[in-house]
Amino acid sequence: MAINHWPLAERPREKLIERGATALSDAELLAIFLRTGVKGKTALDLSRELLNEYGDLRSLLKASEHRFCQSHGLGQAKYVQLQAVMEMSKRVLQTGLKRGTALTSPAQSREVIGRELRDEVREVFACLFLDNQHRVITFERLFWGTVNAASVYPREVVRRALELSSSAVIFAHNHPSGVAEPSRADRQITDQLINALSLIEVRVLDHFVVGDPDVVSFAERGLL
C-alpha cells in the first residue's frame, strides 16, 4: 500500500510535523529524505532495506559514492543531496567553534572536537588556537595522513601559533580504527609540541584522541 493511503498519524512527513523529528525512527527519517520508493516498495520499505544492508544510519551516511550509488533505489543525485545536507548540518554545528567563543569546560572542548574529527576516514591532526582568555581564535586541520598515521611538524604549529597570536592551544587527532587509546607516538609528538611551544610561551591545555565513540583527554589521563 502506498504511503499516501496510510493513516495520517503513520505517515513519516505528517508524523514529523505533528510530533517533531525526534519522534521518528531512522527508517522514517531516511524515507522522508528519499521521498519516493521503487516499484513495489514504498520509501519506508526501501529505507528499512537500506538500513538492513548497511547496518545503521551512520554507515549509510559515511558510504563512498561508489557503494552508495550501487544500492537499490539510490544514485548520484541522491548522493549529492545527502552530502549537501550533511555539510549544512556540519556548518550549523560548527557555530560552537566560532571566533570569540569561550571554552568553559573540558567536556565542551571534547564535544566540539569529537564532532569535528570522528567521521574522518584518514588520520587528521588539528589544533584549536585560543587567546589569553581561552576564547576560540580558530580551529584548523594542520596535517593529514593515512588510515594509520599523520606526520606532525612542530615548527609548522609554532609558526601558525605566532601568526594567530595564540596564547594557548588544544590539539586533537582522530584514530580511524575507532580506538581512542593514545599511542606511544602520540605521547612523543605531544611532548615535542609542548617543548616547542613553550619557547614562545604558548600553553598546551590538552590533546584529545578521537575514536568512535570515545574521546580521550591527555590532561585527564595526566599525560601533559
N, C-alpha and C. Protein backbone atom coordinates (compact mmCIF):
# COMPACT_ATOMS: atom_id res chain seq x y z
N MET A 1 0.83 -1.19 0.00
CA MET A 1 0.00 0.00 0.00
C MET A 1 0.88 1.26 0.00
N ALA A 2 0.56 2.20 -0.86
CA ALA A 2 1.33 3.45 -0.94
C ALA A 2 1.20 4.22 0.37
N ILE A 3 2.25 4.99 0.73
CA ILE A 3 2.25 5.72 1.99
C ILE A 3 1.09 6.71 2.06
N ASN A 4 0.71 7.31 0.92
CA ASN A 4 -0.37 8.30 0.97
C ASN A 4 -1.74 7.68 1.24
N HIS A 5 -1.76 6.32 1.33
CA HIS A 5 -3.01 5.64 1.71
C HIS A 5 -2.99 5.23 3.18
N TRP A 6 -1.90 5.47 3.87
CA TRP A 6 -1.79 5.12 5.29
C TRP A 6 -2.57 6.13 6.13
N PRO A 7 -2.92 5.75 7.35
CA PRO A 7 -3.50 6.74 8.27
C PRO A 7 -2.52 7.89 8.47
N LEU A 8 -3.02 9.11 8.61
CA LEU A 8 -2.17 10.29 8.71
C LEU A 8 -1.11 10.17 9.80
N ALA A 9 -1.47 9.60 10.94
CA ALA A 9 -0.57 9.52 12.09
C ALA A 9 0.62 8.59 11.84
N GLU A 10 0.52 7.75 10.78
CA GLU A 10 1.58 6.79 10.50
C GLU A 10 2.48 7.22 9.33
N ARG A 11 2.12 8.31 8.67
CA ARG A 11 2.93 8.79 7.57
C ARG A 11 4.12 9.59 8.11
N PRO A 12 5.35 9.28 7.66
CA PRO A 12 6.52 9.95 8.23
C PRO A 12 6.48 11.47 8.21
N ARG A 13 6.10 12.06 7.07
CA ARG A 13 6.10 13.52 6.99
C ARG A 13 5.08 14.14 7.94
N GLU A 14 3.90 13.58 7.94
CA GLU A 14 2.85 14.10 8.82
C GLU A 14 3.20 13.87 10.29
N LYS A 15 3.83 12.74 10.55
CA LYS A 15 4.26 12.43 11.91
C LYS A 15 5.31 13.43 12.39
N LEU A 16 6.24 13.80 11.50
CA LEU A 16 7.26 14.77 11.86
C LEU A 16 6.63 16.13 12.17
N ILE A 17 5.70 16.56 11.33
CA ILE A 17 5.05 17.85 11.55
C ILE A 17 4.26 17.85 12.85
N GLU A 18 3.61 16.75 13.15
CA GLU A 18 2.75 16.66 14.33
C GLU A 18 3.55 16.49 15.62
N ARG A 19 4.61 15.66 15.57
CA ARG A 19 5.31 15.28 16.80
C ARG A 19 6.77 15.70 16.86
N GLY A 20 7.32 16.20 15.76
CA GLY A 20 8.72 16.60 15.74
C GLY A 20 9.61 15.49 15.21
N ALA A 21 10.80 15.88 14.73
CA ALA A 21 11.70 14.92 14.09
C ALA A 21 12.21 13.86 15.05
N THR A 22 12.33 14.19 16.34
CA THR A 22 12.86 13.22 17.30
C THR A 22 11.94 12.03 17.50
N ALA A 23 10.68 12.17 17.10
CA ALA A 23 9.72 11.07 17.28
C ALA A 23 9.85 10.02 16.19
N LEU A 24 10.63 10.31 15.14
CA LEU A 24 10.73 9.39 14.01
C LEU A 24 11.90 8.42 14.18
N SER A 25 11.72 7.24 13.64
CA SER A 25 12.79 6.25 13.62
C SER A 25 13.79 6.60 12.52
N ASP A 26 14.95 5.94 12.53
CA ASP A 26 15.93 6.16 11.47
C ASP A 26 15.33 5.89 10.09
N ALA A 27 14.55 4.82 9.99
CA ALA A 27 13.94 4.45 8.71
C ALA A 27 12.96 5.52 8.24
N GLU A 28 12.20 6.08 9.18
CA GLU A 28 11.23 7.12 8.81
C GLU A 28 11.93 8.40 8.36
N LEU A 29 13.01 8.78 9.05
CA LEU A 29 13.77 9.96 8.64
C LEU A 29 14.38 9.76 7.25
N LEU A 30 14.93 8.58 7.01
CA LEU A 30 15.52 8.28 5.71
C LEU A 30 14.46 8.27 4.62
N ALA A 31 13.27 7.79 4.92
CA ALA A 31 12.18 7.75 3.95
C ALA A 31 11.79 9.16 3.52
N ILE A 32 11.80 10.11 4.46
CA ILE A 32 11.50 11.50 4.11
C ILE A 32 12.56 12.04 3.17
N PHE A 33 13.82 11.70 3.44
CA PHE A 33 14.90 12.15 2.57
C PHE A 33 14.76 11.55 1.17
N LEU A 34 14.46 10.25 1.09
CA LEU A 34 14.36 9.58 -0.20
C LEU A 34 13.16 10.07 -1.01
N ARG A 35 12.08 10.42 -0.32
CA ARG A 35 10.85 10.97 -0.89
C ARG A 35 10.01 9.92 -1.61
N THR A 36 10.62 9.10 -2.45
CA THR A 36 9.87 8.10 -3.20
C THR A 36 10.53 6.74 -3.07
N GLY A 37 9.75 5.71 -3.26
CA GLY A 37 10.29 4.37 -3.23
C GLY A 37 10.63 3.89 -4.64
N VAL A 38 10.59 2.60 -4.82
CA VAL A 38 10.80 2.00 -6.13
C VAL A 38 9.62 1.09 -6.42
N LYS A 39 9.59 0.54 -7.59
CA LYS A 39 8.45 -0.28 -7.99
C LYS A 39 8.19 -1.39 -6.97
N GLY A 40 7.00 -1.41 -6.43
CA GLY A 40 6.61 -2.44 -5.48
C GLY A 40 7.02 -2.17 -4.05
N LYS A 41 7.71 -1.03 -3.79
CA LYS A 41 8.17 -0.72 -2.44
C LYS A 41 7.97 0.76 -2.13
N THR A 42 7.46 1.03 -0.96
CA THR A 42 7.33 2.41 -0.52
C THR A 42 8.71 2.95 -0.13
N ALA A 43 8.78 4.25 0.07
CA ALA A 43 10.03 4.86 0.53
C ALA A 43 10.44 4.28 1.88
N LEU A 44 9.47 3.97 2.72
CA LEU A 44 9.78 3.41 4.04
C LEU A 44 10.29 1.97 3.91
N ASP A 45 9.70 1.20 3.00
CA ASP A 45 10.20 -0.16 2.76
C ASP A 45 11.65 -0.11 2.29
N LEU A 46 11.92 0.80 1.36
CA LEU A 46 13.27 0.94 0.82
C LEU A 46 14.25 1.38 1.91
N SER A 47 13.81 2.28 2.76
CA SER A 47 14.66 2.76 3.86
C SER A 47 15.04 1.62 4.79
N ARG A 48 14.08 0.79 5.11
CA ARG A 48 14.35 -0.35 6.01
C ARG A 48 15.33 -1.32 5.36
N GLU A 49 15.19 -1.55 4.06
CA GLU A 49 16.12 -2.42 3.35
C GLU A 49 17.54 -1.86 3.38
N LEU A 50 17.65 -0.54 3.16
CA LEU A 50 18.96 0.09 3.14
C LEU A 50 19.63 0.04 4.52
N LEU A 51 18.86 0.27 5.56
CA LEU A 51 19.42 0.21 6.91
C LEU A 51 19.84 -1.21 7.26
N ASN A 52 19.10 -2.17 6.78
CA ASN A 52 19.48 -3.57 7.00
C ASN A 52 20.76 -3.90 6.23
N GLU A 53 20.89 -3.34 5.03
CA GLU A 53 22.07 -3.58 4.20
C GLU A 53 23.33 -2.97 4.81
N TYR A 54 23.20 -1.73 5.32
CA TYR A 54 24.37 -1.01 5.85
C TYR A 54 24.59 -1.22 7.34
N GLY A 55 23.58 -1.71 8.03
CA GLY A 55 23.72 -1.96 9.47
C GLY A 55 23.16 -0.86 10.33
N ASP A 56 23.37 0.40 9.94
CA ASP A 56 22.82 1.53 10.68
C ASP A 56 22.87 2.77 9.80
N LEU A 57 22.25 3.83 10.30
CA LEU A 57 22.14 5.06 9.52
C LEU A 57 23.51 5.71 9.30
N ARG A 58 24.35 5.68 10.32
CA ARG A 58 25.66 6.33 10.20
C ARG A 58 26.50 5.68 9.11
N SER A 59 26.47 4.36 9.02
CA SER A 59 27.25 3.66 7.99
C SER A 59 26.76 4.03 6.60
N LEU A 60 25.46 4.20 6.46
CA LEU A 60 24.92 4.63 5.17
C LEU A 60 25.39 6.03 4.82
N LEU A 61 25.37 6.93 5.80
CA LEU A 61 25.79 8.31 5.55
C LEU A 61 27.27 8.41 5.22
N LYS A 62 28.08 7.48 5.74
CA LYS A 62 29.53 7.51 5.51
C LYS A 62 29.95 6.72 4.27
N ALA A 63 29.02 6.10 3.60
CA ALA A 63 29.35 5.25 2.45
C ALA A 63 30.00 6.06 1.33
N SER A 64 30.91 5.43 0.62
CA SER A 64 31.55 6.08 -0.53
C SER A 64 30.52 6.28 -1.64
N GLU A 65 30.82 7.17 -2.55
CA GLU A 65 29.90 7.42 -3.66
C GLU A 65 29.66 6.13 -4.45
N HIS A 66 30.71 5.36 -4.69
CA HIS A 66 30.57 4.14 -5.48
C HIS A 66 29.61 3.16 -4.82
N ARG A 67 29.81 2.91 -3.52
CA ARG A 67 28.94 1.96 -2.84
C ARG A 67 27.52 2.49 -2.72
N PHE A 68 27.39 3.76 -2.38
CA PHE A 68 26.08 4.38 -2.21
C PHE A 68 25.26 4.23 -3.49
N CYS A 69 25.88 4.53 -4.62
CA CYS A 69 25.15 4.52 -5.89
C CYS A 69 24.82 3.11 -6.38
N GLN A 70 25.50 2.12 -5.82
CA GLN A 70 25.20 0.73 -6.19
C GLN A 70 23.97 0.19 -5.48
N SER A 71 23.57 0.84 -4.39
CA SER A 71 22.43 0.36 -3.61
C SER A 71 21.13 0.61 -4.37
N HIS A 72 20.21 -0.34 -4.26
CA HIS A 72 18.93 -0.27 -4.96
C HIS A 72 18.15 0.96 -4.53
N GLY A 73 17.71 1.75 -5.50
CA GLY A 73 16.90 2.92 -5.20
C GLY A 73 17.69 4.18 -4.97
N LEU A 74 19.01 4.09 -5.02
CA LEU A 74 19.86 5.26 -4.81
C LEU A 74 20.60 5.59 -6.10
N GLY A 75 21.31 6.68 -6.11
CA GLY A 75 22.06 7.08 -7.29
C GLY A 75 22.84 8.34 -6.99
N GLN A 76 23.49 8.89 -8.02
CA GLN A 76 24.36 10.04 -7.81
C GLN A 76 23.59 11.27 -7.33
N ALA A 77 22.39 11.48 -7.85
CA ALA A 77 21.60 12.64 -7.43
C ALA A 77 21.31 12.59 -5.93
N LYS A 78 20.92 11.40 -5.44
CA LYS A 78 20.66 11.23 -4.01
C LYS A 78 21.94 11.39 -3.20
N TYR A 79 23.04 10.90 -3.75
CA TYR A 79 24.33 11.03 -3.05
C TYR A 79 24.71 12.50 -2.89
N VAL A 80 24.54 13.27 -3.96
CA VAL A 80 24.87 14.69 -3.90
C VAL A 80 23.97 15.41 -2.91
N GLN A 81 22.68 15.10 -2.92
CA GLN A 81 21.75 15.70 -1.97
C GLN A 81 22.16 15.41 -0.54
N LEU A 82 22.52 14.16 -0.30
CA LEU A 82 22.89 13.75 1.05
C LEU A 82 24.15 14.47 1.52
N GLN A 83 25.14 14.58 0.63
CA GLN A 83 26.37 15.28 1.01
C GLN A 83 26.10 16.74 1.33
N ALA A 84 25.19 17.35 0.57
CA ALA A 84 24.84 18.75 0.82
C ALA A 84 24.15 18.91 2.18
N VAL A 85 23.25 18.00 2.49
CA VAL A 85 22.55 18.04 3.78
C VAL A 85 23.53 17.86 4.93
N MET A 86 24.45 16.91 4.78
CA MET A 86 25.43 16.66 5.83
C MET A 86 26.35 17.86 6.04
N GLU A 87 26.75 18.50 4.94
CA GLU A 87 27.63 19.67 5.06
C GLU A 87 26.90 20.84 5.72
N MET A 88 25.63 21.04 5.38
CA MET A 88 24.86 22.10 6.03
C MET A 88 24.74 21.85 7.52
N SER A 89 24.49 20.60 7.88
CA SER A 89 24.39 20.25 9.30
C SER A 89 25.71 20.49 10.01
N LYS A 90 26.81 20.13 9.36
CA LYS A 90 28.13 20.31 9.95
C LYS A 90 28.42 21.79 10.17
N ARG A 91 28.04 22.62 9.22
CA ARG A 91 28.32 24.05 9.35
C ARG A 91 27.49 24.68 10.46
N VAL A 92 26.28 24.19 10.64
CA VAL A 92 25.46 24.68 11.75
C VAL A 92 26.11 24.30 13.08
N LEU A 93 26.57 23.05 13.18
CA LEU A 93 27.21 22.59 14.41
C LEU A 93 28.51 23.31 14.69
N GLN A 94 29.18 23.78 13.64
CA GLN A 94 30.46 24.46 13.81
C GLN A 94 30.32 25.83 14.46
N THR A 95 29.10 26.30 14.65
CA THR A 95 28.93 27.59 15.30
C THR A 95 29.51 27.58 16.70
N GLY A 96 29.65 26.38 17.29
CA GLY A 96 30.25 26.27 18.62
C GLY A 96 31.74 26.57 18.62
N LEU A 97 32.35 26.68 17.43
CA LEU A 97 33.77 26.97 17.33
C LEU A 97 34.04 28.32 16.67
N LYS A 98 33.04 29.18 16.65
CA LYS A 98 33.25 30.48 16.04
C LYS A 98 34.22 31.32 16.86
N ARG A 99 34.91 32.22 16.18
CA ARG A 99 35.88 33.10 16.83
C ARG A 99 35.22 33.84 17.99
N GLY A 100 35.88 33.84 19.12
CA GLY A 100 35.38 34.54 20.29
C GLY A 100 34.60 33.67 21.26
N THR A 101 34.28 32.44 20.84
CA THR A 101 33.57 31.54 21.74
C THR A 101 34.49 31.11 22.87
N ALA A 102 34.02 31.24 24.10
CA ALA A 102 34.82 30.84 25.25
C ALA A 102 34.55 29.37 25.57
N LEU A 103 35.62 28.60 25.67
CA LEU A 103 35.50 27.20 26.06
C LEU A 103 35.61 27.14 27.58
N THR A 104 34.52 26.78 28.22
CA THR A 104 34.44 26.88 29.68
C THR A 104 34.69 25.58 30.42
N SER A 105 34.77 24.47 29.68
CA SER A 105 34.98 23.19 30.37
C SER A 105 35.61 22.17 29.42
N PRO A 106 36.32 21.18 29.96
CA PRO A 106 36.87 20.10 29.12
C PRO A 106 35.78 19.36 28.37
N ALA A 107 34.61 19.22 29.00
CA ALA A 107 33.51 18.50 28.35
C ALA A 107 33.07 19.22 27.07
N GLN A 108 33.03 20.54 27.11
CA GLN A 108 32.65 21.31 25.94
C GLN A 108 33.67 21.14 24.82
N SER A 109 34.96 21.20 25.18
CA SER A 109 36.02 21.02 24.19
C SER A 109 35.94 19.63 23.58
N ARG A 110 35.72 18.63 24.42
CA ARG A 110 35.64 17.24 23.95
C ARG A 110 34.48 17.08 22.95
N GLU A 111 33.37 17.70 23.25
CA GLU A 111 32.20 17.56 22.39
C GLU A 111 32.42 18.14 21.01
N VAL A 112 32.92 19.38 20.97
CA VAL A 112 33.06 20.03 19.67
C VAL A 112 34.19 19.41 18.85
N ILE A 113 35.26 19.00 19.50
CA ILE A 113 36.37 18.38 18.77
C ILE A 113 35.99 16.99 18.28
N GLY A 114 35.31 16.22 19.12
CA GLY A 114 34.85 14.90 18.70
C GLY A 114 33.94 14.99 17.49
N ARG A 115 33.07 15.97 17.50
CA ARG A 115 32.14 16.17 16.40
C ARG A 115 32.89 16.51 15.11
N GLU A 116 33.98 17.26 15.22
CA GLU A 116 34.74 17.67 14.05
C GLU A 116 35.49 16.52 13.40
N LEU A 117 36.06 15.62 14.20
CA LEU A 117 37.02 14.64 13.67
C LEU A 117 36.54 13.20 13.63
N ARG A 118 35.44 12.90 14.27
CA ARG A 118 35.05 11.49 14.43
C ARG A 118 34.84 10.77 13.11
N ASP A 119 34.33 11.45 12.11
CA ASP A 119 33.99 10.77 10.86
C ASP A 119 35.07 10.87 9.78
N GLU A 120 36.23 11.39 10.13
CA GLU A 120 37.33 11.42 9.16
C GLU A 120 37.79 10.00 8.87
N VAL A 121 38.01 9.70 7.59
CA VAL A 121 38.38 8.34 7.20
C VAL A 121 39.89 8.11 7.23
N ARG A 122 40.67 9.19 7.32
CA ARG A 122 42.12 9.07 7.49
C ARG A 122 42.52 9.91 8.70
N GLU A 123 43.72 9.69 9.18
CA GLU A 123 44.12 10.39 10.39
C GLU A 123 44.38 11.87 10.09
N VAL A 124 43.81 12.71 10.94
CA VAL A 124 43.93 14.16 10.80
C VAL A 124 44.40 14.73 12.13
N PHE A 125 45.40 15.61 12.07
CA PHE A 125 45.87 16.30 13.27
C PHE A 125 45.41 17.75 13.19
N ALA A 126 44.71 18.19 14.22
CA ALA A 126 44.12 19.52 14.21
C ALA A 126 44.52 20.29 15.46
N CYS A 127 44.31 21.59 15.40
CA CYS A 127 44.65 22.43 16.55
C CYS A 127 43.58 23.49 16.75
N LEU A 128 43.17 23.64 17.99
CA LEU A 128 42.26 24.69 18.38
C LEU A 128 43.11 25.80 19.00
N PHE A 129 43.22 26.92 18.31
CA PHE A 129 44.03 28.05 18.78
C PHE A 129 43.17 28.97 19.63
N LEU A 130 43.68 29.34 20.81
CA LEU A 130 42.91 30.14 21.76
C LEU A 130 43.68 31.41 22.14
N ASP A 131 42.92 32.44 22.57
CA ASP A 131 43.58 33.65 23.05
C ASP A 131 43.85 33.52 24.54
N ASN A 132 44.28 34.62 25.17
CA ASN A 132 44.66 34.54 26.58
C ASN A 132 43.47 34.41 27.53
N GLN A 133 42.24 34.51 26.99
CA GLN A 133 41.03 34.28 27.77
C GLN A 133 40.42 32.92 27.45
N HIS A 134 41.18 32.10 26.74
CA HIS A 134 40.73 30.79 26.29
C HIS A 134 39.49 30.87 25.39
N ARG A 135 39.44 31.96 24.62
CA ARG A 135 38.40 32.10 23.61
C ARG A 135 38.94 31.62 22.27
N VAL A 136 38.07 31.05 21.47
CA VAL A 136 38.49 30.46 20.20
C VAL A 136 38.97 31.53 19.23
N ILE A 137 40.15 31.31 18.67
CA ILE A 137 40.63 32.10 17.54
C ILE A 137 40.23 31.37 16.25
N THR A 138 40.62 30.10 16.17
CA THR A 138 40.22 29.29 15.03
C THR A 138 40.52 27.82 15.32
N PHE A 139 39.85 26.95 14.62
CA PHE A 139 40.11 25.51 14.65
C PHE A 139 40.60 25.12 13.27
N GLU A 140 41.79 24.54 13.20
CA GLU A 140 42.37 24.21 11.90
C GLU A 140 42.88 22.79 11.85
N ARG A 141 42.61 22.14 10.73
CA ARG A 141 43.24 20.87 10.43
C ARG A 141 44.60 21.19 9.82
N LEU A 142 45.65 20.69 10.46
CA LEU A 142 47.00 21.07 10.06
C LEU A 142 47.73 20.01 9.25
N PHE A 143 47.51 18.74 9.60
CA PHE A 143 48.24 17.65 8.94
C PHE A 143 47.30 16.50 8.65
N TRP A 144 47.50 15.87 7.49
CA TRP A 144 46.70 14.73 7.08
C TRP A 144 47.61 13.54 6.84
N GLY A 145 47.09 12.35 7.08
CA GLY A 145 47.90 11.16 6.86
C GLY A 145 47.11 10.05 6.23
N THR A 146 47.49 8.84 6.56
CA THR A 146 46.82 7.65 6.06
C THR A 146 45.81 7.20 7.11
N VAL A 147 45.30 6.00 6.96
CA VAL A 147 44.37 5.48 7.97
C VAL A 147 45.10 5.17 9.26
N ASN A 148 46.41 5.15 9.24
CA ASN A 148 47.18 4.75 10.43
C ASN A 148 47.93 5.89 11.11
N ALA A 149 48.36 6.90 10.36
CA ALA A 149 49.22 7.92 10.97
C ALA A 149 49.24 9.19 10.14
N ALA A 150 49.55 10.30 10.83
CA ALA A 150 49.75 11.58 10.17
C ALA A 150 51.07 12.16 10.67
N SER A 151 51.89 12.69 9.77
CA SER A 151 53.15 13.31 10.17
C SER A 151 52.88 14.71 10.69
N VAL A 152 53.42 15.02 11.87
CA VAL A 152 53.19 16.31 12.51
C VAL A 152 54.53 17.03 12.64
N TYR A 153 54.57 18.31 12.25
CA TYR A 153 55.80 19.09 12.27
C TYR A 153 55.66 20.24 13.26
N PRO A 154 56.34 20.14 14.42
CA PRO A 154 56.22 21.19 15.45
C PRO A 154 56.50 22.59 14.94
N ARG A 155 57.48 22.75 14.03
CA ARG A 155 57.81 24.10 13.56
C ARG A 155 56.63 24.76 12.85
N GLU A 156 55.81 23.95 12.16
CA GLU A 156 54.64 24.50 11.48
C GLU A 156 53.58 24.92 12.48
N VAL A 157 53.45 24.16 13.57
CA VAL A 157 52.49 24.52 14.61
C VAL A 157 52.93 25.82 15.29
N VAL A 158 54.21 25.94 15.56
CA VAL A 158 54.75 27.16 16.18
C VAL A 158 54.52 28.35 15.25
N ARG A 159 54.82 28.17 13.98
CA ARG A 159 54.64 29.26 13.01
C ARG A 159 53.19 29.74 12.99
N ARG A 160 52.26 28.78 12.99
CA ARG A 160 50.83 29.16 12.93
C ARG A 160 50.39 29.82 14.22
N ALA A 161 50.87 29.36 15.36
CA ALA A 161 50.52 29.97 16.64
C ALA A 161 50.98 31.43 16.68
N LEU A 162 52.18 31.69 16.15
CA LEU A 162 52.70 33.06 16.09
C LEU A 162 51.86 33.93 15.16
N GLU A 163 51.49 33.39 14.00
CA GLU A 163 50.68 34.14 13.04
C GLU A 163 49.35 34.56 13.65
N LEU A 164 48.79 33.70 14.48
CA LEU A 164 47.46 33.95 15.06
C LEU A 164 47.54 34.65 16.42
N SER A 165 48.75 34.91 16.90
CA SER A 165 48.93 35.49 18.25
C SER A 165 48.20 34.68 19.30
N SER A 166 48.32 33.38 19.19
CA SER A 166 47.65 32.47 20.11
C SER A 166 48.40 32.39 21.43
N SER A 167 47.65 32.31 22.53
CA SER A 167 48.25 32.16 23.87
C SER A 167 48.16 30.74 24.40
N ALA A 168 47.25 29.96 23.83
CA ALA A 168 47.07 28.57 24.28
C ALA A 168 46.52 27.75 23.12
N VAL A 169 46.73 26.46 23.20
CA VAL A 169 46.24 25.57 22.14
C VAL A 169 45.69 24.28 22.74
N ILE A 170 44.82 23.67 22.00
CA ILE A 170 44.34 22.32 22.30
C ILE A 170 44.54 21.50 21.03
N PHE A 171 45.26 20.42 21.14
CA PHE A 171 45.50 19.54 20.00
C PHE A 171 44.44 18.45 19.94
N ALA A 172 44.25 17.92 18.76
CA ALA A 172 43.32 16.80 18.59
C ALA A 172 43.70 16.02 17.34
N HIS A 173 43.55 14.73 17.41
CA HIS A 173 43.67 13.92 16.21
C HIS A 173 42.77 12.71 16.36
N ASN A 174 42.41 12.14 15.25
CA ASN A 174 41.50 11.00 15.27
C ASN A 174 42.24 9.70 15.00
N HIS A 175 41.67 8.62 15.49
CA HIS A 175 42.12 7.28 15.15
C HIS A 175 41.03 6.62 14.31
N PRO A 176 41.22 6.53 12.99
CA PRO A 176 40.18 5.94 12.14
C PRO A 176 39.79 4.52 12.54
N SER A 177 40.65 3.84 13.29
CA SER A 177 40.31 2.49 13.77
C SER A 177 39.15 2.52 14.75
N GLY A 178 38.89 3.71 15.33
CA GLY A 178 37.83 3.84 16.31
C GLY A 178 38.31 3.70 17.74
N VAL A 179 39.55 3.24 17.93
CA VAL A 179 40.11 3.04 19.27
C VAL A 179 40.82 4.33 19.69
N ALA A 180 40.36 4.94 20.78
CA ALA A 180 40.86 6.26 21.16
C ALA A 180 42.09 6.22 22.07
N GLU A 181 42.61 5.05 22.37
CA GLU A 181 43.75 4.94 23.28
C GLU A 181 45.00 5.61 22.69
N PRO A 182 45.62 6.56 23.42
CA PRO A 182 46.82 7.23 22.91
C PRO A 182 47.97 6.24 22.71
N SER A 183 48.69 6.39 21.62
CA SER A 183 49.83 5.53 21.34
C SER A 183 51.11 6.16 21.88
N ARG A 184 52.19 5.40 21.84
CA ARG A 184 53.49 5.95 22.25
C ARG A 184 53.87 7.11 21.35
N ALA A 185 53.61 6.98 20.05
CA ALA A 185 53.93 8.06 19.11
C ALA A 185 53.12 9.31 19.43
N ASP A 186 51.86 9.12 19.84
CA ASP A 186 51.02 10.27 20.22
C ASP A 186 51.64 11.02 21.39
N ARG A 187 52.14 10.27 22.36
CA ARG A 187 52.73 10.90 23.54
C ARG A 187 54.03 11.61 23.18
N GLN A 188 54.81 11.00 22.31
CA GLN A 188 56.09 11.60 21.94
C GLN A 188 55.90 12.91 21.19
N ILE A 189 54.99 12.94 20.23
CA ILE A 189 54.79 14.18 19.47
C ILE A 189 54.18 15.25 20.35
N THR A 190 53.35 14.87 21.31
CA THR A 190 52.78 15.85 22.23
C THR A 190 53.86 16.50 23.06
N ASP A 191 54.80 15.70 23.56
CA ASP A 191 55.92 16.25 24.33
C ASP A 191 56.76 17.20 23.48
N GLN A 192 56.98 16.83 22.22
CA GLN A 192 57.76 17.68 21.32
C GLN A 192 57.05 19.01 21.07
N LEU A 193 55.75 18.94 20.92
CA LEU A 193 54.96 20.15 20.69
C LEU A 193 54.96 21.06 21.92
N ILE A 194 54.82 20.45 23.09
CA ILE A 194 54.84 21.23 24.33
C ILE A 194 56.17 21.96 24.46
N ASN A 195 57.27 21.26 24.20
CA ASN A 195 58.60 21.87 24.30
C ASN A 195 58.79 22.99 23.29
N ALA A 196 58.32 22.78 22.08
CA ALA A 196 58.48 23.79 21.04
C ALA A 196 57.65 25.03 21.34
N LEU A 197 56.43 24.83 21.78
CA LEU A 197 55.54 25.97 22.05
C LEU A 197 55.92 26.72 23.31
N SER A 198 56.57 26.02 24.24
CA SER A 198 56.99 26.70 25.47
C SER A 198 58.00 27.80 25.17
N LEU A 199 58.74 27.68 24.08
CA LEU A 199 59.74 28.68 23.70
C LEU A 199 59.09 30.00 23.30
N ILE A 200 57.83 29.96 22.89
CA ILE A 200 57.12 31.19 22.54
C ILE A 200 55.98 31.46 23.52
N GLU A 201 56.03 30.78 24.67
CA GLU A 201 55.09 31.00 25.77
C GLU A 201 53.64 30.75 25.37
N VAL A 202 53.44 29.67 24.64
CA VAL A 202 52.09 29.21 24.30
C VAL A 202 51.82 27.93 25.07
N ARG A 203 50.75 27.91 25.84
CA ARG A 203 50.43 26.77 26.68
C ARG A 203 49.64 25.72 25.91
N VAL A 204 49.96 24.46 26.16
CA VAL A 204 49.20 23.34 25.62
C VAL A 204 48.23 22.88 26.70
N LEU A 205 46.94 23.11 26.49
CA LEU A 205 45.94 22.81 27.51
C LEU A 205 45.51 21.35 27.50
N ASP A 206 45.51 20.75 26.31
CA ASP A 206 45.06 19.36 26.22
C ASP A 206 45.38 18.81 24.84
N HIS A 207 45.27 17.51 24.74
CA HIS A 207 45.38 16.82 23.46
C HIS A 207 44.32 15.72 23.50
N PHE A 208 43.37 15.80 22.59
CA PHE A 208 42.29 14.82 22.53
C PHE A 208 42.55 13.81 21.42
N VAL A 209 42.34 12.55 21.74
CA VAL A 209 42.39 11.48 20.74
C VAL A 209 40.95 11.04 20.49
N VAL A 210 40.51 11.21 19.26
CA VAL A 210 39.11 10.98 18.91
C VAL A 210 38.94 9.59 18.31
N GLY A 211 38.14 8.78 18.97
CA GLY A 211 37.80 7.47 18.45
C GLY A 211 36.31 7.42 18.17
N ASP A 212 35.76 6.26 18.23
CA ASP A 212 34.33 6.10 17.98
C ASP A 212 33.77 5.03 18.92
N PRO A 213 33.08 5.43 19.99
CA PRO A 213 32.55 6.78 20.25
C PRO A 213 33.40 7.59 21.23
N ASP A 214 34.47 7.01 21.77
CA ASP A 214 35.20 7.66 22.86
C ASP A 214 36.14 8.76 22.38
N VAL A 215 36.36 9.74 23.26
CA VAL A 215 37.36 10.78 23.05
C VAL A 215 38.20 10.84 24.33
N VAL A 216 39.50 10.56 24.20
CA VAL A 216 40.38 10.50 25.36
C VAL A 216 41.15 11.82 25.50
N SER A 217 41.20 12.33 26.73
CA SER A 217 41.90 13.56 27.04
C SER A 217 43.25 13.28 27.68
N PHE A 218 44.32 13.84 27.11
CA PHE A 218 45.63 13.70 27.72
C PHE A 218 45.65 14.32 29.11
N ALA A 219 45.02 15.47 29.27
CA ALA A 219 45.02 16.16 30.55
C ALA A 219 44.38 15.31 31.63
N GLU A 220 43.25 14.70 31.30
CA GLU A 220 42.55 13.86 32.28
C GLU A 220 43.34 12.62 32.60
N ARG A 221 44.15 12.15 31.67
CA ARG A 221 44.99 10.97 31.90
C ARG A 221 46.29 11.32 32.62
N GLY A 222 46.54 12.61 32.84
CA GLY A 222 47.79 13.02 33.48
C GLY A 222 48.99 12.89 32.56
N LEU A 223 48.76 13.02 31.24
CA LEU A 223 49.84 12.84 30.26
C LEU A 223 50.46 14.16 29.81
N LEU A 224 49.98 15.28 30.35
CA LEU A 224 50.57 16.57 29.99
C LEU A 224 51.47 17.06 31.10
